Amino acid sequence: MTTHVNKVHHVTTITQVAKDLGEDEDWLRDISIEVEIEDGVIWVNGVGEDGVKAFTDFGIENLIELIRFYKENPGLLKR
């Protein structure tokens, strides 16, 4: 019998990702709406009233690609 083992051992909050990448957190929240669960984003409950968005390493990679896309196409999403 095979047991599923979750390979995600940590996540990083959107606040920390914004700080690490030197990006505006509100802007990252806007573009991160496009990141799906299978793309490496999760919602962490228990932090404040509403919880907090967090990313796996794979999710951060996907977010970085979105950042590049929107910086190359600034008219698609206003900062």
Protein backbone atom coordinates (compact mmCIF):
# COMPACT_ATOMS: atom_id res chain seq x y z
CA MET A 1 0.00 0.00 0.00
CA THR A 2 1.32 3.44 -0.95
CA THR A 3 0.89 6.38 1.38
CA HIS A 4 0.65 9.87 -0.11
CA VAL A 5 3.32 12.14 1.33
CA ASN A 6 2.86 15.87 1.00
CA LYS A 7 6.06 17.29 -0.48
CA VAL A 8 5.31 20.84 0.63
CA HIS A 9 7.17 21.41 3.87
CA HIS A 10 6.80 25.19 4.12
CA VAL A 11 4.95 28.14 2.65
CA THR A 12 5.72 31.86 2.58
CA THR A 13 3.12 34.53 3.28
CA ILE A 14 2.32 37.10 0.64
CA THR A 15 3.67 39.81 2.96
CA GLN A 16 7.06 38.10 3.10
CA VAL A 17 7.07 37.36 -0.64
CA ALA A 18 6.43 41.06 -1.36
CA LYS A 19 9.27 42.03 0.97
CA ASP A 20 11.65 39.45 -0.52
CA LEU A 21 10.86 40.52 -4.08
CA GLY A 22 10.77 44.25 -3.35
CA GLU A 23 7.22 44.55 -4.67
CA ASP A 24 4.13 46.33 -3.41
CA GLU A 25 2.04 43.87 -1.40
CA ASP A 26 -1.31 45.25 -2.59
CA TRP A 27 -0.19 44.96 -6.22
CA LEU A 28 0.92 41.37 -5.60
CA ARG A 29 -2.48 40.62 -4.07
CA ASP A 30 -4.11 41.93 -7.24
CA ILE A 31 -2.07 39.80 -9.61
CA SER A 32 -1.99 36.74 -7.34
CA ILE A 33 -5.72 36.31 -7.91
CA GLU A 34 -4.65 34.49 -11.07
CA VAL A 35 -2.59 31.89 -9.15
CA GLU A 36 -4.63 28.73 -8.54
CA ILE A 37 -4.21 26.07 -5.84
CA GLU A 38 -2.48 23.74 -8.31
CA ASP A 39 -0.09 26.60 -9.08
CA GLY A 40 1.15 26.76 -5.50
CA VAL A 41 -1.06 29.14 -3.52
CA ILE A 42 -2.90 28.26 -0.31
CA TRP A 43 -5.03 30.09 2.21
CA VAL A 44 -3.78 29.85 5.81
CA ASN A 45 -6.50 30.18 8.43
CA GLY A 46 -5.89 31.37 11.96
CA VAL A 47 -3.87 34.49 11.22
CA GLY A 48 -6.12 37.41 11.99
CA GLU A 49 -9.79 37.33 11.16
CA ASP A 50 -9.51 36.53 7.48
CA GLY A 51 -6.42 34.37 7.26
CA VAL A 52 -3.53 35.00 4.89
CA LYS A 53 -2.50 33.99 1.37
CA ALA A 54 0.71 31.98 1.22
CA PHE A 55 2.78 30.39 -1.52
CA THR A 56 4.82 27.24 -1.95
CA ASP A 57 8.18 27.63 -3.69
CA PHE A 58 6.42 26.62 -6.92
CA GLY A 59 3.79 29.27 -6.24
CA ILE A 60 6.46 31.94 -5.82
CA GLU A 61 7.97 30.91 -9.17
CA ASN A 62 4.54 31.28 -10.80
CA LEU A 63 4.03 34.65 -9.11
CA ILE A 64 7.41 35.85 -10.41
CA GLU A 65 6.29 34.92 -13.94
CA LEU A 66 3.11 36.98 -13.45
CA ILE A 67 5.17 39.91 -12.17
CA ARG A 68 7.32 39.77 -15.32
CA PHE A 69 4.22 39.54 -17.52
CA TYR A 70 2.51 42.54 -15.93
CA LYS A 71 5.68 44.63 -15.92
CA GLU A 72 6.08 43.91 -19.65
CA ASN A 73 2.38 44.72 -20.20
CA PRO A 74 1.64 47.50 -17.70
CA GLY A 75 -1.61 48.54 -19.37
CA LEU A 76 -3.26 45.24 -18.46
CA LEU A 77 -3.27 45.92 -14.72
CA LYS A 78 -2.81 49.34 -13.21
CA ARG A 79 -0.46 49.69 -10.26
